[in-house]
């Protein structure tokens, strides 16, 4: 399989229930072309990211705001180690 797109809503705490639905995940997923296949959506308030799913050449989008910025930066550093393209939105 070729490169994939991963869209991540970071959170230090995963408690199985989304408090605020990160709508940007679904908007960007719908706007992602079929060239990349179906995007992998991760909302860490539901389940933490599994770093093993990020492969070299994958594109990683991370949505951050003040409350989750530090976790978002942490995931960004990890993604840059594992893949060549990571960005925060």
Protein backbone atom coordinates (compact mmCIF):
# COMPACT_ATOMS: atom_id res chain seq x y z
CA UNK A 1 0.00 0.00 0.00
CA UNK A 2 1.18 3.53 -0.75
CA UNK A 3 1.34 6.58 1.48
CA UNK A 4 -1.61 7.32 3.75
CA UNK A 5 -3.11 10.41 5.34
CA UNK A 6 -3.54 10.45 9.12
CA UNK A 7 -5.67 13.19 10.72
CA UNK A 8 -5.19 13.41 14.47
CA UNK A 9 -7.02 15.26 17.25
CA UNK A 10 -4.48 15.08 20.11
CA UNK A 11 -5.33 14.59 23.79
CA UNK A 12 -3.30 13.62 26.85
CA UNK A 13 -6.31 11.77 28.23
CA UNK A 14 -8.30 9.09 26.40
CA UNK A 15 -11.55 8.38 28.21
CA UNK A 16 -13.73 6.81 25.51
CA UNK A 17 -16.13 9.71 25.04
CA UNK A 18 -15.61 12.70 22.77
CA UNK A 19 -16.43 15.88 24.68
CA UNK A 20 -16.11 18.27 21.74
CA UNK A 21 -16.41 16.67 18.32
CA UNK A 22 -13.43 17.78 16.22
CA UNK A 23 -15.38 18.59 13.04
CA UNK A 24 -12.23 19.55 11.14
CA UNK A 25 -11.30 15.83 11.04
CA UNK A 26 -14.34 15.00 8.96
CA UNK A 27 -14.15 18.10 6.77
CA UNK A 28 -10.51 17.42 5.83
CA UNK A 29 -11.19 13.70 5.41
CA UNK A 30 -13.97 14.49 2.94
CA UNK A 31 -11.71 16.93 1.07
CA UNK A 32 -8.84 14.43 0.78
CA UNK A 33 -8.60 13.06 -2.73
CA UNK A 34 -8.91 9.36 -3.45
CA UNK A 35 -5.23 9.19 -4.45
CA UNK A 36 -4.33 8.72 -0.78
CA UNK A 37 -7.11 6.24 0.00
CA UNK A 38 -9.37 6.69 2.98
CA UNK A 39 -7.75 8.89 5.65
CA UNK A 40 -7.05 7.39 9.05
CA UNK A 41 -8.95 9.51 11.61
CA UNK A 42 -7.74 9.47 15.22
CA UNK A 43 -9.50 11.31 18.04
CA UNK A 44 -7.29 10.74 21.06
CA UNK A 45 -10.13 11.59 23.46
CA UNK A 46 -11.53 8.24 22.30
CA UNK A 47 -8.37 6.19 21.74
CA UNK A 48 -4.64 7.10 21.70
CA UNK A 49 -2.67 7.07 18.45
CA UNK A 50 -0.75 3.89 17.67
CA UNK A 51 2.61 5.16 16.30
CA UNK A 52 3.09 1.86 14.45
CA UNK A 53 0.46 2.93 11.89
CA UNK A 54 2.58 5.87 10.66
CA UNK A 55 4.93 4.79 7.90
CA UNK A 56 7.63 6.64 5.94
CA UNK A 57 6.00 8.84 3.31
CA UNK A 58 2.69 9.19 5.16
CA UNK A 59 1.11 12.61 5.63
CA UNK A 60 0.07 13.49 9.18
CA UNK A 61 -2.30 16.37 9.99
CA UNK A 62 -2.64 17.40 13.63
CA UNK A 63 -5.35 19.78 14.82
CA UNK A 64 -4.31 21.78 17.85
CA UNK A 65 -5.73 24.46 20.10
CA UNK A 66 -4.49 25.88 23.38
CA UNK A 67 -5.74 22.96 25.48
CA UNK A 68 -4.07 20.21 23.46
CA UNK A 69 -1.11 22.05 21.93
CA UNK A 70 1.61 20.31 23.95
CA UNK A 71 0.27 16.86 23.04
CA UNK A 72 -0.08 18.00 19.43
CA UNK A 73 3.57 19.08 19.34
CA UNK A 74 4.56 15.75 20.89
CA UNK A 75 2.71 13.84 18.16
CA UNK A 76 4.24 16.15 15.55
CA UNK A 77 7.77 15.32 16.70
CA UNK A 78 6.93 11.61 16.67
CA UNK A 79 5.37 11.86 13.20
CA UNK A 80 8.42 13.65 11.81
CA UNK A 81 10.59 10.78 13.05
CA UNK A 82 8.33 8.19 11.43
CA UNK A 83 7.23 10.04 8.28
CA UNK A 84 8.47 12.78 6.01
CA UNK A 85 5.43 15.07 6.16
CA UNK A 86 3.70 16.28 9.33
CA UNK A 87 1.74 19.47 9.81
CA UNK A 88 -0.35 21.13 12.51
CA UNK A 89 -3.64 22.79 11.60
